[in-house]
């Protein structure tokens, strides 16, 4: 990938991001994520799901942990009715 004058990668096209209010943020890859501690997580996949709920055991990548927790709560509510 070509670099700009300051050394950062130059974008040749826009990056597409899909936001699911009840799930992860899906980004067309490859992607690099700089975490709070400064470490960099990189994926070369064509599309990646980034965890927004912090329940993932594979954080920052989504492992669908948000689904298991949400279903359990919904089932408990349905039983009450």
N, C-alpha and C. Protein backbone atom coordinates (compact mmCIF):
# COMPACT_ATOMS: atom_id res chain seq x y z
N UNK A 1 0.85 -1.18 0.00
CA UNK A 1 0.00 0.00 0.00
C UNK A 1 0.89 1.23 0.00
N UNK A 2 0.64 2.22 -0.85
CA UNK A 2 1.45 3.44 -0.88
C UNK A 2 1.31 4.22 0.42
N UNK A 3 2.35 4.97 0.76
CA UNK A 3 2.33 5.76 1.99
C UNK A 3 2.25 7.25 1.67
N UNK A 4 1.71 8.01 2.63
CA UNK A 4 1.67 9.47 2.49
C UNK A 4 3.02 10.03 2.93
N UNK A 5 3.18 11.35 2.86
CA UNK A 5 4.46 11.97 3.22
C UNK A 5 4.81 11.77 4.69
N UNK A 6 3.81 11.56 5.57
CA UNK A 6 4.13 11.35 6.98
C UNK A 6 4.30 9.87 7.33
N UNK A 7 4.26 8.99 6.32
CA UNK A 7 4.50 7.57 6.54
C UNK A 7 3.25 6.74 6.80
N UNK A 8 2.09 7.37 6.95
CA UNK A 8 0.86 6.60 7.17
C UNK A 8 0.38 6.03 5.84
N UNK A 9 -0.31 4.90 5.87
CA UNK A 9 -0.78 4.31 4.61
C UNK A 9 -1.77 5.22 3.90
N UNK A 10 -1.62 5.34 2.59
CA UNK A 10 -2.53 6.15 1.79
C UNK A 10 -3.70 5.28 1.36
N UNK A 11 -4.90 5.77 1.48
CA UNK A 11 -6.09 5.03 1.07
C UNK A 11 -6.31 5.23 -0.43
N UNK A 12 -6.55 4.14 -1.10
CA UNK A 12 -6.86 4.23 -2.52
C UNK A 12 -8.37 4.21 -2.73
N UNK A 13 -9.12 3.73 -1.73
CA UNK A 13 -10.57 3.75 -1.81
C UNK A 13 -11.14 3.85 -0.39
N UNK A 14 -12.39 4.17 -0.29
CA UNK A 14 -13.03 4.33 1.02
C UNK A 14 -13.18 2.97 1.69
N UNK A 15 -13.07 2.97 2.98
CA UNK A 15 -13.29 1.78 3.78
C UNK A 15 -14.76 1.72 4.15
N UNK A 16 -15.41 0.59 3.94
CA UNK A 16 -16.83 0.48 4.24
C UNK A 16 -17.02 -0.14 5.62
N UNK A 17 -17.86 0.51 6.46
CA UNK A 17 -18.13 0.07 7.83
C UNK A 17 -19.63 -0.11 7.98
N UNK A 18 -20.02 -1.26 8.54
CA UNK A 18 -21.43 -1.54 8.80
C UNK A 18 -21.64 -1.59 10.31
N UNK A 19 -22.60 -0.82 10.81
CA UNK A 19 -22.87 -0.76 12.24
C UNK A 19 -24.17 -1.48 12.55
N UNK A 20 -24.09 -2.47 13.45
CA UNK A 20 -25.27 -3.19 13.92
C UNK A 20 -25.50 -2.78 15.36
N UNK A 21 -26.60 -2.10 15.68
CA UNK A 21 -26.80 -1.61 17.04
C UNK A 21 -26.85 -2.71 18.10
N UNK A 22 -27.13 -3.95 17.70
CA UNK A 22 -27.18 -5.04 18.66
C UNK A 22 -26.03 -6.02 18.48
N UNK A 23 -25.02 -5.63 17.75
CA UNK A 23 -23.92 -6.54 17.48
C UNK A 23 -22.64 -5.81 17.20
N UNK A 24 -21.77 -6.44 16.45
CA UNK A 24 -20.45 -5.86 16.18
C UNK A 24 -20.48 -4.81 15.08
N UNK A 25 -19.36 -4.16 14.92
CA UNK A 25 -19.14 -3.27 13.78
C UNK A 25 -18.39 -4.11 12.76
N UNK A 26 -18.90 -4.18 11.55
CA UNK A 26 -18.26 -4.98 10.50
C UNK A 26 -17.53 -4.03 9.56
N UNK A 27 -16.25 -4.31 9.35
CA UNK A 27 -15.40 -3.46 8.53
C UNK A 27 -14.84 -4.29 7.39
N UNK A 28 -14.88 -3.73 6.18
CA UNK A 28 -14.24 -4.40 5.06
C UNK A 28 -12.74 -4.28 5.25
N UNK A 29 -12.04 -5.40 5.23
CA UNK A 29 -10.61 -5.44 5.57
C UNK A 29 -9.73 -5.29 4.35
N UNK A 30 -8.45 -5.43 4.54
CA UNK A 30 -7.76 -5.70 5.81
C UNK A 30 -7.87 -4.50 6.75
N UNK A 31 -7.66 -4.78 8.04
CA UNK A 31 -7.83 -3.73 9.04
C UNK A 31 -6.79 -3.88 10.15
N UNK A 32 -6.38 -2.75 10.69
CA UNK A 32 -5.52 -2.72 11.88
C UNK A 32 -6.25 -1.92 12.94
N UNK A 33 -6.26 -2.44 14.18
CA UNK A 33 -6.90 -1.76 15.29
C UNK A 33 -5.83 -1.48 16.33
N UNK A 34 -5.71 -0.22 16.73
CA UNK A 34 -4.78 0.16 17.80
C UNK A 34 -5.57 0.13 19.10
N UNK A 35 -5.17 -0.76 20.01
CA UNK A 35 -5.87 -0.92 21.29
C UNK A 35 -5.41 0.14 22.29
N UNK A 36 -6.12 0.25 23.40
CA UNK A 36 -5.84 1.27 24.41
C UNK A 36 -4.42 1.19 24.94
N UNK A 37 -3.85 -0.03 25.01
CA UNK A 37 -2.49 -0.19 25.53
C UNK A 37 -1.42 0.02 24.46
N UNK A 38 -1.85 0.38 23.24
CA UNK A 38 -0.91 0.66 22.17
C UNK A 38 -0.60 -0.52 21.28
N UNK A 39 -1.04 -1.72 21.64
CA UNK A 39 -0.80 -2.87 20.78
C UNK A 39 -1.70 -2.79 19.55
N UNK A 40 -1.25 -3.43 18.49
CA UNK A 40 -1.98 -3.38 17.23
C UNK A 40 -2.49 -4.78 16.91
N UNK A 41 -3.78 -4.89 16.64
CA UNK A 41 -4.38 -6.14 16.19
C UNK A 41 -4.64 -5.98 14.70
N UNK A 42 -4.21 -6.95 13.90
CA UNK A 42 -4.35 -6.86 12.45
C UNK A 42 -5.07 -8.08 11.91
N UNK A 43 -5.94 -7.83 10.93
CA UNK A 43 -6.61 -8.91 10.21
C UNK A 43 -6.51 -8.63 8.72
N UNK A 44 -6.14 -9.64 7.97
CA UNK A 44 -6.05 -9.51 6.52
C UNK A 44 -7.29 -10.06 5.81
N UNK A 45 -8.30 -10.42 6.59
CA UNK A 45 -9.53 -10.95 6.01
C UNK A 45 -10.25 -9.88 5.21
N UNK A 46 -11.12 -10.29 4.29
CA UNK A 46 -11.85 -9.33 3.45
C UNK A 46 -12.92 -8.58 4.23
N UNK A 47 -13.35 -9.13 5.37
CA UNK A 47 -14.35 -8.50 6.21
C UNK A 47 -14.14 -8.98 7.65
N UNK A 48 -14.16 -8.06 8.61
CA UNK A 48 -13.96 -8.44 10.00
C UNK A 48 -15.05 -7.82 10.87
N UNK A 49 -15.40 -8.54 11.95
CA UNK A 49 -16.38 -8.06 12.91
C UNK A 49 -15.62 -7.61 14.16
N UNK A 50 -15.80 -6.35 14.52
CA UNK A 50 -15.11 -5.77 15.67
C UNK A 50 -16.09 -5.72 16.84
N UNK A 51 -15.69 -6.28 17.97
CA UNK A 51 -16.53 -6.35 19.15
C UNK A 51 -16.77 -4.96 19.73
N UNK A 52 -18.02 -4.66 20.06
CA UNK A 52 -18.35 -3.39 20.70
C UNK A 52 -18.89 -3.59 22.12
N UNK A 53 -19.16 -4.85 22.50
CA UNK A 53 -19.74 -5.11 23.82
C UNK A 53 -18.68 -5.55 24.84
N UNK A 54 -17.48 -5.86 24.38
CA UNK A 54 -16.36 -6.30 25.22
C UNK A 54 -16.60 -7.65 25.90
N UNK A 55 -17.55 -8.44 25.42
CA UNK A 55 -17.78 -9.78 25.96
C UNK A 55 -16.95 -10.83 25.24
N UNK A 56 -16.39 -10.49 24.10
CA UNK A 56 -15.66 -11.43 23.27
C UNK A 56 -14.40 -11.94 23.95
N UNK A 57 -14.18 -13.24 23.87
CA UNK A 57 -12.93 -13.81 24.38
C UNK A 57 -11.79 -13.58 23.38
N UNK A 58 -12.14 -13.15 22.18
CA UNK A 58 -11.14 -12.89 21.14
C UNK A 58 -11.00 -11.39 20.88
N UNK A 59 -11.36 -10.55 21.87
CA UNK A 59 -11.35 -9.09 21.71
C UNK A 59 -10.03 -8.62 21.11
N UNK A 60 -10.02 -7.74 20.11
CA UNK A 60 -11.10 -6.87 19.65
C UNK A 60 -12.01 -7.50 18.60
N UNK A 61 -11.77 -8.75 18.22
CA UNK A 61 -12.59 -9.41 17.22
C UNK A 61 -13.84 -9.99 17.88
N UNK A 62 -14.95 -9.92 17.21
CA UNK A 62 -16.22 -10.43 17.74
C UNK A 62 -16.26 -11.95 17.62
N UNK A 63 -16.65 -12.62 18.70
CA UNK A 63 -16.85 -14.08 18.66
C UNK A 63 -18.30 -14.44 18.91
N UNK A 64 -19.19 -13.50 18.74
CA UNK A 64 -20.65 -13.61 18.91
C UNK A 64 -21.06 -13.86 20.36
N UNK A 65 -20.22 -13.54 21.32
CA UNK A 65 -20.59 -13.70 22.73
C UNK A 65 -21.80 -12.85 23.08
N UNK A 66 -22.01 -11.74 22.40
CA UNK A 66 -23.16 -10.88 22.68
C UNK A 66 -24.47 -11.62 22.42
N UNK A 67 -24.47 -12.57 21.50
CA UNK A 67 -25.69 -13.31 21.17
C UNK A 67 -26.12 -14.21 22.32
N UNK A 68 -25.18 -14.95 22.90
CA UNK A 68 -25.52 -15.87 23.99
C UNK A 68 -26.11 -15.12 25.17
N UNK A 69 -25.56 -14.02 25.52
CA UNK A 69 -26.04 -13.25 26.67
C UNK A 69 -27.42 -12.66 26.40
N UNK A 70 -27.61 -12.14 25.21
CA UNK A 70 -28.88 -11.50 24.85
C UNK A 70 -30.01 -12.52 24.84
N UNK A 71 -29.78 -13.70 24.28
CA UNK A 71 -30.82 -14.72 24.21
C UNK A 71 -31.26 -15.15 25.60
N UNK A 72 -30.34 -15.34 26.50
CA UNK A 72 -30.67 -15.78 27.84
C UNK A 72 -31.59 -14.77 28.51
N UNK A 73 -31.33 -13.50 28.34
CA UNK A 73 -32.16 -12.46 28.91
C UNK A 73 -33.55 -12.45 28.29
N UNK A 74 -33.62 -12.63 27.00
CA UNK A 74 -34.92 -12.64 26.32
C UNK A 74 -35.74 -13.85 26.75
N UNK A 75 -35.12 -15.02 26.88
CA UNK A 75 -35.85 -16.22 27.28
C UNK A 75 -36.42 -16.06 28.69
N UNK A 76 -35.65 -15.45 29.58
CA UNK A 76 -36.13 -15.25 30.94
C UNK A 76 -37.34 -14.32 30.95
N UNK A 77 -37.33 -13.30 30.12
CA UNK A 77 -38.46 -12.37 30.04
C UNK A 77 -39.69 -13.06 29.46
N UNK A 78 -39.47 -13.93 28.46
CA UNK A 78 -40.60 -14.63 27.83
C UNK A 78 -41.26 -15.58 28.82
N UNK A 79 -40.47 -16.22 29.70
CA UNK A 79 -41.02 -17.14 30.69
C UNK A 79 -41.89 -16.41 31.71
N UNK A 80 -41.56 -15.16 32.00
CA UNK A 80 -42.32 -14.38 32.97
C UNK A 80 -43.72 -14.06 32.45
N UNK A 81 -43.85 -13.95 31.14
CA UNK A 81 -45.13 -13.54 30.54
C UNK A 81 -46.11 -14.65 30.45
